[in-house]
Amino acid sequence: MTQQQAGRPIRVAIVGPESSGKSTLAREWASRLRGQGRAAVWVEEYSRAYYAGRDYVSTMGDIEAIAAGQLRAEALAAQGGAGILLCDTTVLTCKIWAEVAHGGASATLQALYRPHDYALTVLACPDIPWEPDPLRSHPTQRDWLLELNRRELERQGIAALEVSGAREARLARAMAALSSLLAD
Protein backbone atom coordinates (compact mmCIF):
# COMPACT_ATOMS: atom_id res chain seq x y z
CA MET A 1 0.00 0.00 0.00
CA THR A 2 1.41 3.41 -0.96
CA GLN A 3 1.34 6.40 1.35
CA GLN A 4 -1.39 7.97 -0.79
CA GLN A 5 -3.53 4.84 -0.54
CA ALA A 6 -3.16 5.00 3.24
CA GLY A 7 -4.53 8.57 3.19
CA ARG A 8 -1.17 10.20 3.86
CA PRO A 9 0.54 12.48 1.40
CA ILE A 10 3.81 11.49 -0.17
CA ARG A 11 6.48 13.67 1.45
CA VAL A 12 9.46 14.67 -0.64
CA ALA A 13 12.49 16.30 0.98
CA ILE A 14 14.43 18.73 -1.18
CA VAL A 15 17.74 19.45 0.51
CA GLY A 16 21.18 20.73 -0.33
CA PRO A 17 23.48 23.68 0.20
CA GLU A 18 22.33 27.25 -0.02
CA SER A 19 21.73 28.62 -3.52
CA SER A 20 21.55 25.16 -5.09
CA GLY A 21 18.11 25.56 -6.68
CA LYS A 22 15.92 23.92 -4.02
CA SER A 23 13.17 26.56 -4.03
CA THR A 24 13.12 26.83 -7.81
CA LEU A 25 12.84 23.05 -8.14
CA ALA A 26 10.11 22.80 -5.49
CA ARG A 27 8.03 25.61 -7.01
CA GLU A 28 8.35 24.36 -10.60
CA TRP A 29 7.82 20.72 -9.60
CA ALA A 30 4.61 21.56 -7.73
CA SER A 31 3.38 23.53 -10.71
CA ARG A 32 4.17 20.70 -13.13
CA LEU A 33 2.42 18.14 -10.94
CA ARG A 34 -0.65 20.35 -10.54
CA GLY A 35 -0.68 20.73 -14.33
CA GLN A 36 -1.00 16.94 -14.49
CA GLY A 37 -3.98 17.04 -12.14
CA ARG A 38 -2.06 15.96 -9.03
CA ALA A 39 -2.71 17.61 -5.67
CA ALA A 40 0.83 18.82 -5.00
CA VAL A 41 1.93 21.51 -2.56
CA TRP A 42 5.22 23.35 -2.27
CA VAL A 43 6.03 23.63 1.44
CA GLU A 44 8.20 26.72 1.45
CA GLU A 45 11.38 27.08 3.44
CA TYR A 46 10.22 28.31 6.85
CA SER A 47 13.37 30.29 7.65
CA ARG A 48 12.27 32.93 5.12
CA ALA A 49 9.04 33.60 7.04
CA TYR A 50 10.88 33.39 10.36
CA TYR A 51 13.40 36.07 9.42
CA ALA A 52 10.96 38.26 7.48
CA GLY A 53 10.25 40.35 10.57
CA ARG A 54 13.55 40.20 12.42
CA ASP A 55 17.27 40.57 11.99
CA TYR A 56 19.15 37.54 10.78
CA VAL A 57 20.80 36.03 13.85
CA SER A 58 21.83 32.42 14.14
CA THR A 59 21.36 31.23 17.69
CA MET A 60 20.56 27.64 18.57
CA GLY A 61 17.15 28.88 19.72
CA ASP A 62 16.52 30.40 16.29
CA ILE A 63 17.53 27.19 14.54
CA GLU A 64 15.28 25.12 16.83
CA ALA A 65 12.36 27.51 16.19
CA ILE A 66 12.93 27.27 12.45
CA ALA A 67 13.05 23.47 12.55
CA ALA A 68 9.80 23.35 14.54
CA GLY A 69 8.22 25.86 12.17
CA GLN A 70 9.25 23.83 9.14
CA LEU A 71 7.61 20.74 10.62
CA ARG A 72 4.44 22.72 11.47
CA ALA A 73 4.28 23.98 7.88
CA GLU A 74 4.55 20.41 6.61
CA ALA A 75 1.83 19.21 9.01
CA LEU A 76 -0.46 22.05 7.99
CA ALA A 77 0.09 21.30 4.30
CA ALA A 78 -0.62 17.60 4.94
CA GLN A 79 -3.98 18.50 6.50
CA GLY A 80 -4.92 20.46 3.38
CA GLY A 81 -5.60 17.37 1.31
CA ALA A 82 -2.49 17.42 -0.87
CA GLY A 83 -1.33 14.07 -2.14
CA ILE A 84 2.26 15.23 -2.54
CA LEU A 85 4.25 17.56 -0.28
CA LEU A 86 7.38 19.00 -1.86
CA CYS A 87 9.30 20.19 1.18
CA ASP A 88 11.71 22.98 0.32
CA THR A 89 14.33 22.02 2.88
CA THR A 90 13.86 19.99 6.06
CA VAL A 91 15.25 19.77 9.56
CA LEU A 92 18.36 18.24 7.96
CA THR A 93 19.30 21.75 6.84
CA CYS A 94 18.80 23.03 10.39
CA LYS A 95 20.94 20.21 11.78
CA ILE A 96 23.79 20.99 9.40
CA TRP A 97 23.38 24.72 10.05
CA ALA A 98 23.68 24.08 13.81
CA GLU A 99 26.77 21.93 13.31
CA VAL A 100 28.47 24.52 11.09
CA ALA A 101 27.51 27.61 13.11
CA HIS A 102 27.50 26.20 16.65
CA GLY A 103 29.56 23.01 16.61
CA GLY A 104 26.62 20.63 16.97
CA ALA A 105 22.89 20.14 17.12
CA SER A 106 21.04 20.51 20.42
CA ALA A 107 18.99 17.71 21.95
CA THR A 108 15.85 19.63 20.97
CA LEU A 109 16.97 19.83 17.37
CA GLN A 110 17.97 16.15 17.33
CA ALA A 111 14.46 15.27 18.57
CA LEU A 112 12.91 17.24 15.69
CA TYR A 113 15.19 15.58 13.11
CA ARG A 114 13.23 12.80 11.40
CA PRO A 115 14.92 12.16 8.04
CA HIS A 116 12.97 8.95 7.40
CA ASP A 117 9.63 10.79 7.26
CA TYR A 118 10.17 11.36 3.53
CA ALA A 119 9.40 8.85 0.79
CA LEU A 120 11.95 10.52 -1.47
CA THR A 121 14.91 12.77 -0.70
CA VAL A 122 16.28 14.96 -3.47
CA LEU A 123 19.74 16.46 -3.01
CA ALA A 124 20.27 19.60 -5.10
CA CYS A 125 23.85 20.10 -6.29
CA PRO A 126 25.36 23.60 -6.30
CA ASP A 127 26.41 23.57 -9.95
CA ILE A 128 24.38 26.68 -10.72
CA PRO A 129 25.47 30.29 -10.24
CA TRP A 130 25.46 31.68 -6.71
CA GLU A 131 22.62 34.12 -6.04
CA PRO A 132 23.16 36.55 -3.15
CA ASP A 133 20.49 36.59 -0.46
CA PRO A 134 20.41 37.99 3.10
CA LEU A 135 20.04 34.45 4.51
CA ARG A 136 23.01 33.02 2.61
CA SER A 137 26.52 33.19 3.95
CA HIS A 138 28.71 30.52 2.32
CA PRO A 139 29.18 31.41 -1.37
CA THR A 140 32.52 29.62 -1.65
CA GLN A 141 31.69 26.63 0.56
CA ARG A 142 28.74 25.13 -1.28
CA ASP A 143 30.66 22.00 -2.33
CA TRP A 144 31.71 21.44 1.28
CA LEU A 145 28.08 21.90 2.42
CA LEU A 146 26.94 19.46 -0.28
CA GLU A 147 29.37 16.90 1.11
CA LEU A 148 28.01 17.45 4.64
CA ASN A 149 24.52 16.73 3.30
CA ARG A 150 25.71 13.62 1.46
CA ARG A 151 27.51 12.24 4.50
CA GLU A 152 24.54 12.78 6.80
CA LEU A 153 22.10 11.19 4.37
CA GLU A 154 24.45 8.22 3.95
CA ARG A 155 24.77 7.97 7.75
CA GLN A 156 20.99 7.76 7.94
CA GLY A 157 20.85 5.11 5.19
CA ILE A 158 18.99 7.41 2.82
CA ALA A 159 19.72 6.98 -0.87
CA ALA A 160 19.11 10.53 -2.07
CA LEU A 161 18.44 11.37 -5.67
CA GLU A 162 21.03 13.93 -6.72
CA VAL A 163 19.91 16.52 -9.24
CA SER A 164 22.22 18.82 -11.14
CA GLY A 165 22.46 20.74 -14.36
CA ALA A 166 19.87 22.91 -16.03
CA ARG A 167 16.45 23.51 -14.49
CA GLU A 168 14.57 21.28 -16.90
CA ALA A 169 17.05 18.41 -16.44
CA ARG A 170 16.67 18.66 -12.67
CA LEU A 171 12.89 18.71 -12.94
CA ALA A 172 12.77 15.77 -15.37
CA ARG A 173 14.98 13.66 -13.09
CA ALA A 174 12.87 14.51 -10.05
CA MET A 175 9.61 13.78 -11.89
CA ALA A 176 10.92 10.39 -13.01
CA ALA A 177 11.92 9.43 -9.47
CA LEU A 178 8.55 10.46 -8.06
CA SER A 179 6.57 8.57 -10.69
CA SER A 180 7.49 5.22 -9.13
CA LEU A 181 5.96 6.36 -5.82
CA LEU A 182 2.68 7.53 -7.28
CA ALA A 183 -0.33 5.25 -7.41
CA ASP A 184 -2.41 5.71 -10.53
C-alpha atoms as a PDB file:
ATOM      1  CA  MET A   1       0.000   0.000   0.000  1.00  0.00           C
ATOM      2  CA  THR A   2       1.413   3.407  -0.956  1.00  0.00           C
ATOM      3  CA  GLN A   3       1.342   6.404   1.346  1.00  0.00           C
ATOM      4  CA  GLN A   4      -1.386   7.966  -0.792  1.00  0.00           C
ATOM      5  CA  GLN A   5      -3.533   4.844  -0.538  1.00  0.00           C
ATOM      6  CA  ALA A   6      -3.160   5.001   3.241  1.00  0.00           C
ATOM      7  CA  GLY A   7      -4.533   8.566   3.189  1.00  0.00           C
ATOM      8  CA  ARG A   8      -1.171  10.205   3.864  1.00  0.00           C
ATOM      9  CA  PRO A   9       0.541  12.475   1.397  1.00  0.00           C
ATOM     10  CA  ILE A  10       3.811  11.489  -0.167  1.00  0.00           C
ATOM     11  CA  ARG A  11       6.476  13.671   1.450  1.00  0.00           C
ATOM     12  CA  VAL A  12       9.457  14.665  -0.637  1.00  0.00           C
ATOM     13  CA  ALA A  13      12.491  16.299   0.982  1.00  0.00           C
ATOM     14  CA  ILE A  14      14.426  18.734  -1.185  1.00  0.00           C
ATOM     15  CA  VAL A  15      17.736  19.445   0.506  1.00  0.00           C
ATOM     16  CA  GLY A  16      21.181  20.726  -0.327  1.00  0.00           C
ATOM     17  CA  PRO A  17      23.484  23.681   0.195  1.00  0.00           C
ATOM     18  CA  GLU A  18      22.327  27.248  -0.020  1.00  0.00           C
ATOM     19  CA  SER A  19      21.730  28.618  -3.519  1.00  0.00           C
ATOM     20  CA  SER A  20      21.546  25.157  -5.089  1.00  0.00           C
ATOM     21  CA  GLY A  21      18.108  25.563  -6.675  1.00  0.00           C
ATOM     22  CA  LYS A  22      15.919  23.924  -4.023  1.00  0.00           C
ATOM     23  CA  SER A  23      13.170  26.559  -4.028  1.00  0.00           C
ATOM     24  CA  THR A  24      13.115  26.831  -7.807  1.00  0.00           C
ATOM     25  CA  LEU A  25      12.840  23.054  -8.139  1.00  0.00           C
ATOM     26  CA  ALA A  26      10.106  22.805  -5.488  1.00  0.00           C
ATOM     27  CA  ARG A  27       8.034  25.607  -7.012  1.00  0.00           C
ATOM     28  CA  GLU A  28       8.346  24.355 -10.599  1.00  0.00           C
ATOM     29  CA  TRP A  29       7.816  20.719  -9.601  1.00  0.00           C
ATOM     30  CA  ALA A  30       4.608  21.555  -7.730  1.00  0.00           C
ATOM     31  CA  SER A  31       3.379  23.535 -10.712  1.00  0.00           C
ATOM     32  CA  ARG A  32       4.172  20.702 -13.135  1.00  0.00           C
ATOM     33  CA  LEU A  33       2.415  18.137 -10.941  1.00  0.00           C
ATOM     34  CA  ARG A  34      -0.652  20.349 -10.543  1.00  0.00           C
ATOM     35  CA  GLY A  35      -0.680  20.732 -14.329  1.00  0.00           C
ATOM     36  CA  GLN A  36      -1.000  16.938 -14.486  1.00  0.00           C
ATOM     37  CA  GLY A  37      -3.975  17.044 -12.136  1.00  0.00           C
ATOM     38  CA  ARG A  38      -2.061  15.960  -9.029  1.00  0.00           C
ATOM     39  CA  ALA A  39      -2.710  17.609  -5.670  1.00  0.00           C
ATOM     40  CA  ALA A  40       0.834  18.822  -5.002  1.00  0.00           C
ATOM     41  CA  VAL A  41       1.928  21.506  -2.564  1.00  0.00           C
ATOM     42  CA  TRP A  42       5.219  23.347  -2.272  1.00  0.00           C
ATOM     43  CA  VAL A  43       6.025  23.635   1.443  1.00  0.00           C
ATOM     44  CA  GLU A  44       8.200  26.720   1.446  1.00  0.00           C
ATOM     45  CA  GLU A  45      11.384  27.084   3.445  1.00  0.00           C
ATOM     46  CA  TYR A  46      10.220  28.309   6.853  1.00  0.00           C
ATOM     47  CA  SER A  47      13.373  30.291   7.651  1.00  0.00           C
ATOM     48  CA  ARG A  48      12.268  32.925   5.124  1.00  0.00           C
ATOM     49  CA  ALA A  49       9.045  33.602   7.039  1.00  0.00           C
ATOM     50  CA  TYR A  50      10.879  33.395  10.360  1.00  0.00           C
ATOM     51  CA  TYR A  51      13.398  36.066   9.416  1.00  0.00           C
ATOM     52  CA  ALA A  52      10.964  38.257   7.482  1.00  0.00           C
ATOM     53  CA  GLY A  53      10.246  40.349  10.570  1.00  0.00           C
ATOM     54  CA  ARG A  54      13.552  40.197  12.418  1.00  0.00           C
ATOM     55  CA  ASP A  55      17.265  40.571  11.986  1.00  0.00           C
ATOM     56  CA  TYR A  56      19.150  37.539  10.781  1.00  0.00           C
ATOM     57  CA  VAL A  57      20.804  36.033  13.845  1.00  0.00           C
ATOM     58  CA  SER A  58      21.831  32.420  14.142  1.00  0.00           C
ATOM     59  CA  THR A  59      21.363  31.235  17.694  1.00  0.00           C
ATOM     60  CA  MET A  60      20.560  27.641  18.570  1.00  0.00           C
ATOM     61  CA  GLY A  61      17.151  28.880  19.724  1.00  0.00           C
ATOM     62  CA  ASP A  62      16.523  30.402  16.290  1.00  0.00           C
ATOM     63  CA  ILE A  63      17.532  27.195  14.544  1.00  0.00           C
ATOM     64  CA  GLU A  64      15.275  25.121  16.834  1.00  0.00           C
ATOM     65  CA  ALA A  65      12.357  27.506  16.188  1.00  0.00           C
ATOM     66  CA  ILE A  66      12.934  27.274  12.445  1.00  0.00           C
ATOM     67  CA  ALA A  67      13.050  23.468  12.553  1.00  0.00           C
ATOM     68  CA  ALA A  68       9.799  23.351  14.542  1.00  0.00           C
ATOM     69  CA  GLY A  69       8.220  25.863  12.171  1.00  0.00           C
ATOM     70  CA  GLN A  70       9.253  23.830   9.142  1.00  0.00           C
ATOM     71  CA  LEU A  71       7.609  20.740  10.621  1.00  0.00           C
ATOM     72  CA  ARG A  72       4.442  22.720  11.475  1.00  0.00           C
ATOM     73  CA  ALA A  73       4.276  23.984   7.884  1.00  0.00           C
ATOM     74  CA  GLU A  74       4.554  20.411   6.609  1.00  0.00           C
ATOM     75  CA  ALA A  75       1.834  19.215   9.010  1.00  0.00           C
ATOM     76  CA  LEU A  76      -0.464  22.046   7.989  1.00  0.00           C
ATOM     77  CA  ALA A  77       0.093  21.296   4.296  1.00  0.00           C
ATOM     78  CA  ALA A  78      -0.621  17.603   4.938  1.00  0.00           C
ATOM     79  CA  GLN A  79      -3.976  18.504   6.496  1.00  0.00           C
ATOM     80  CA  GLY A  80      -4.920  20.463   3.378  1.00  0.00           C
ATOM     81  CA  GLY A  81      -5.605  17.369   1.312  1.00  0.00           C
ATOM     82  CA  ALA A  82      -2.488  17.423  -0.866  1.00  0.00           C
ATOM     83  CA  GLY A  83      -1.330  14.071  -2.143  1.00  0.00           C
ATOM     84  CA  ILE A  84       2.263  15.228  -2.542  1.00  0.00           C
ATOM     85  CA  LEU A  85       4.248  17.562  -0.282  1.00  0.00           C
ATOM     86  CA  LEU A  86       7.384  18.995  -1.859  1.00  0.00           C
ATOM     87  CA  CYS A  87       9.298  20.185   1.184  1.00  0.00           C
ATOM     88  CA  ASP A  88      11.706  22.977   0.315  1.00  0.00           C
ATOM     89  CA  THR A  89      14.327  22.025   2.876  1.00  0.00           C
ATOM     90  CA  THR A  90      13.860  19.994   6.060  1.00  0.00           C
ATOM     91  CA  VAL A  91      15.246  19.773   9.564  1.00  0.00           C
ATOM     92  CA  LEU A  92      18.357  18.240   7.961  1.00  0.00           C
ATOM     93  CA  THR A  93      19.303  21.750   6.843  1.00  0.00           C
ATOM     94  CA  CYS A  94      18.804  23.027  10.388  1.00  0.00           C
ATOM     95  CA  LYS A  95      20.936  20.206  11.780  1.00  0.00           C
ATOM     96  CA  ILE A  96      23.791  20.992   9.397  1.00  0.00           C
ATOM     97  CA  TRP A  97      23.378  24.718  10.051  1.00  0.00           C
ATOM     98  CA  ALA A  98      23.685  24.082  13.808  1.00  0.00           C
ATOM     99  CA  GLU A  99      26.774  21.932  13.313  1.00  0.00           C
ATOM    100  CA  VAL A 100      28.469  24.519  11.094  1.00  0.00           C
ATOM    101  CA  ALA A 101      27.511  27.609  13.111  1.00  0.00           C
ATOM    102  CA  HIS A 102      27.503  26.204  16.651  1.00  0.00           C
ATOM    103  CA  GLY A 103      29.560  23.009  16.615  1.00  0.00           C
ATOM    104  CA  GLY A 104      26.624  20.627  16.971  1.00  0.00           C
ATOM    105  CA  ALA A 105      22.888  20.140  17.125  1.00  0.00           C
ATOM    106  CA  SER A 106      21.044  20.513  20.416  1.00  0.00           C
ATOM    107  CA  ALA A 107      18.990  17.712  21.949  1.00  0.00           C
ATOM    108  CA  THR A 108      15.847  19.626  20.969  1.00  0.00           C
ATOM    109  CA  LEU A 109      16.973  19.831  17.366  1.00  0.00           C
ATOM    110  CA  GLN A 110      17.967  16.150  17.330  1.00  0.00           C
ATOM    111  CA  ALA A 111      14.463  15.266  18.567  1.00  0.00           C
ATOM    112  CA  LEU A 112      12.912  17.235  15.689  1.00  0.00           C
ATOM    113  CA  TYR A 113      15.189  15.581  13.113  1.00  0.00           C
ATOM    114  CA  ARG A 114      13.232  12.795  11.395  1.00  0.00           C
ATOM    115  CA  PRO A 115      14.921  12.158   8.044  1.00  0.00           C
ATOM    116  CA  HIS A 116      12.972   8.951   7.401  1.00  0.00           C
ATOM    117  CA  ASP A 117       9.627  10.792   7.258  1.00  0.00           C
ATOM    118  CA  TYR A 118      10.167  11.358   3.534  1.00  0.00           C
ATOM    119  CA  ALA A 119       9.399   8.852   0.791  1.00  0.00           C
ATOM    120  CA  LEU A 120      11.946  10.524  -1.471  1.00  0.00           C
ATOM    121  CA  THR A 121      14.907  12.769  -0.701  1.00  0.00           C
ATOM    122  CA  VAL A 122      16.281  14.958  -3.469  1.00  0.00           C
ATOM    123  CA  LEU A 123      19.740  16.458  -3.007  1.00  0.00           C
ATOM    124  CA  ALA A 124      20.273  19.597  -5.100  1.00  0.00           C
ATOM    125  CA  CYS A 125      23.846  20.103  -6.291  1.00  0.00           C
ATOM    126  CA  PRO A 126      25.357  23.605  -6.301  1.00  0.00           C
ATOM    127  CA  ASP A 127      26.410  23.570  -9.946  1.00  0.00           C
ATOM    128  CA  ILE A 128      24.380  26.676 -10.718  1.00  0.00           C
ATOM    129  CA  PRO A 129      25.466  30.287 -10.238  1.00  0.00           C
ATOM    130  CA  TRP A 130      25.463  31.685  -6.710  1.00  0.00           C
ATOM    131  CA  GLU A 131      22.620  34.122  -6.042  1.00  0.00           C
ATOM    132  CA  PRO A 132      23.163  36.548  -3.155  1.00  0.00           C
ATOM    133  CA  ASP A 133      20.492  36.594  -0.462  1.00  0.00           C
ATOM    134  CA  PRO A 134      20.412  37.995   3.097  1.00  0.00           C
ATOM    135  CA  LEU A 135      20.036  34.449   4.513  1.00  0.00           C
ATOM    136  CA  ARG A 136      23.013  33.019   2.605  1.00  0.00           C
ATOM    137  CA  SER A 137      26.522  33.193   3.952  1.00  0.00           C
ATOM    138  CA  HIS A 138      28.713  30.523   2.319  1.00  0.00           C
ATOM    139  CA  PRO A 139      29.183  31.407  -1.372  1.00  0.00           C
ATOM    140  CA  THR A 140      32.519  29.618  -1.655  1.00  0.00           C
ATOM    141  CA  GLN A 141      31.688  26.635   0.562  1.00  0.00           C
ATOM    142  CA  ARG A 142      28.741  25.132  -1.278  1.00  0.00           C
ATOM    143  CA  ASP A 143      30.657  21.995  -2.330  1.00  0.00           C
ATOM    144  CA  TRP A 144      31.711  21.444   1.283  1.00  0.00           C
ATOM    145  CA  LEU A 145      28.081  21.899   2.415  1.00  0.00           C
ATOM    146  CA  LEU A 146      26.944  19.458  -0.279  1.00  0.00           C
ATOM    147  CA  GLU A 147      29.371  16.905   1.108  1.00  0.00           C
ATOM    148  CA  LEU A 148      28.014  17.445   4.638  1.00  0.00           C
ATOM    149  CA  ASN A 149      24.523  16.731   3.297  1.00  0.00           C
ATOM    150  CA  ARG A 150      25.715  13.620   1.462  1.00  0.00           C
ATOM    151  CA  ARG A 151      27.512  12.238   4.505  1.00  0.00           C
ATOM    152  CA  GLU A 152      24.538  12.783   6.802  1.00  0.00           C
ATOM    153  CA  LEU A 153      22.103  11.189   4.367  1.00  0.00           C
ATOM    154  CA  GLU A 154      24.450   8.218   3.949  1.00  0.00           C
ATOM    155  CA  ARG A 155      24.775   7.965   7.751  1.00  0.00           C
ATOM    156  CA  GLN A 156      20.986   7.761   7.936  1.00  0.00           C
ATOM    157  CA  GLY A 157      20.846   5.110   5.191  1.00  0.00           C
ATOM    158  CA  ILE A 158      18.987   7.414   2.824  1.00  0.00           C
ATOM    159  CA  ALA A 159      19.725   6.983  -0.872  1.00  0.00           C
ATOM    160  CA  ALA A 160      19.110  10.527  -2.066  1.00  0.00           C
ATOM    161  CA  LEU A 161      18.444  11.366  -5.674  1.00  0.00           C
ATOM    162  CA  GLU A 162      21.034  13.929  -6.719  1.00  0.00           C
ATOM    163  CA  VAL A 163      19.914  16.522  -9.238  1.00  0.00           C
ATOM    164  CA  SER A 164      22.225  18.818 -11.138  1.00  0.00           C
ATOM    165  CA  GLY A 165      22.462  20.740 -14.357  1.00  0.00           C
ATOM    166  CA  ALA A 166      19.871  22.912 -16.027  1.00  0.00           C
ATOM    167  CA  ARG A 167      16.452  23.513 -14.490  1.00  0.00           C
ATOM    168  CA  GLU A 168      14.572  21.281 -16.903  1.00  0.00           C
ATOM    169  CA  ALA A 169      17.047  18.413 -16.440  1.00  0.00           C
ATOM    170  CA  ARG A 170      16.666  18.656 -12.668  1.00  0.00           C
ATOM    171  CA  LEU A 171      12.893  18.708 -12.941  1.00  0.00           C
ATOM    172  CA  ALA A 172      12.774  15.772 -15.371  1.00  0.00           C
ATOM    173  CA  ARG A 173      14.982  13.661 -13.095  1.00  0.00           C
ATOM    174  CA  ALA A 174      12.869  14.511 -10.051  1.00  0.00           C
ATOM    175  CA  MET A 175       9.607  13.779 -11.887  1.00  0.00           C
ATOM    176  CA  ALA A 176      10.918  10.395 -13.009  1.00  0.00           C
ATOM    177  CA  ALA A 177      11.918   9.431  -9.474  1.00  0.00           C
ATOM    178  CA  LEU A 178       8.552  10.459  -8.060  1.00  0.00           C
ATOM    179  CA  SER A 179       6.571   8.573 -10.690  1.00  0.00           C
ATOM    180  CA  SER A 180       7.488   5.222  -9.128  1.00  0.00           C
ATOM    181  CA  LEU A 181       5.962   6.356  -5.824  1.00  0.00           C
ATOM    182  CA  LEU A 182       2.676   7.530  -7.281  1.00  0.00           C
ATOM    183  CA  ALA A 183      -0.328   5.245  -7.406  1.00  0.00           C
ATOM    184  CA  ASP A 184      -2.407   5.708 -10.533  1.00  0.00           C
END
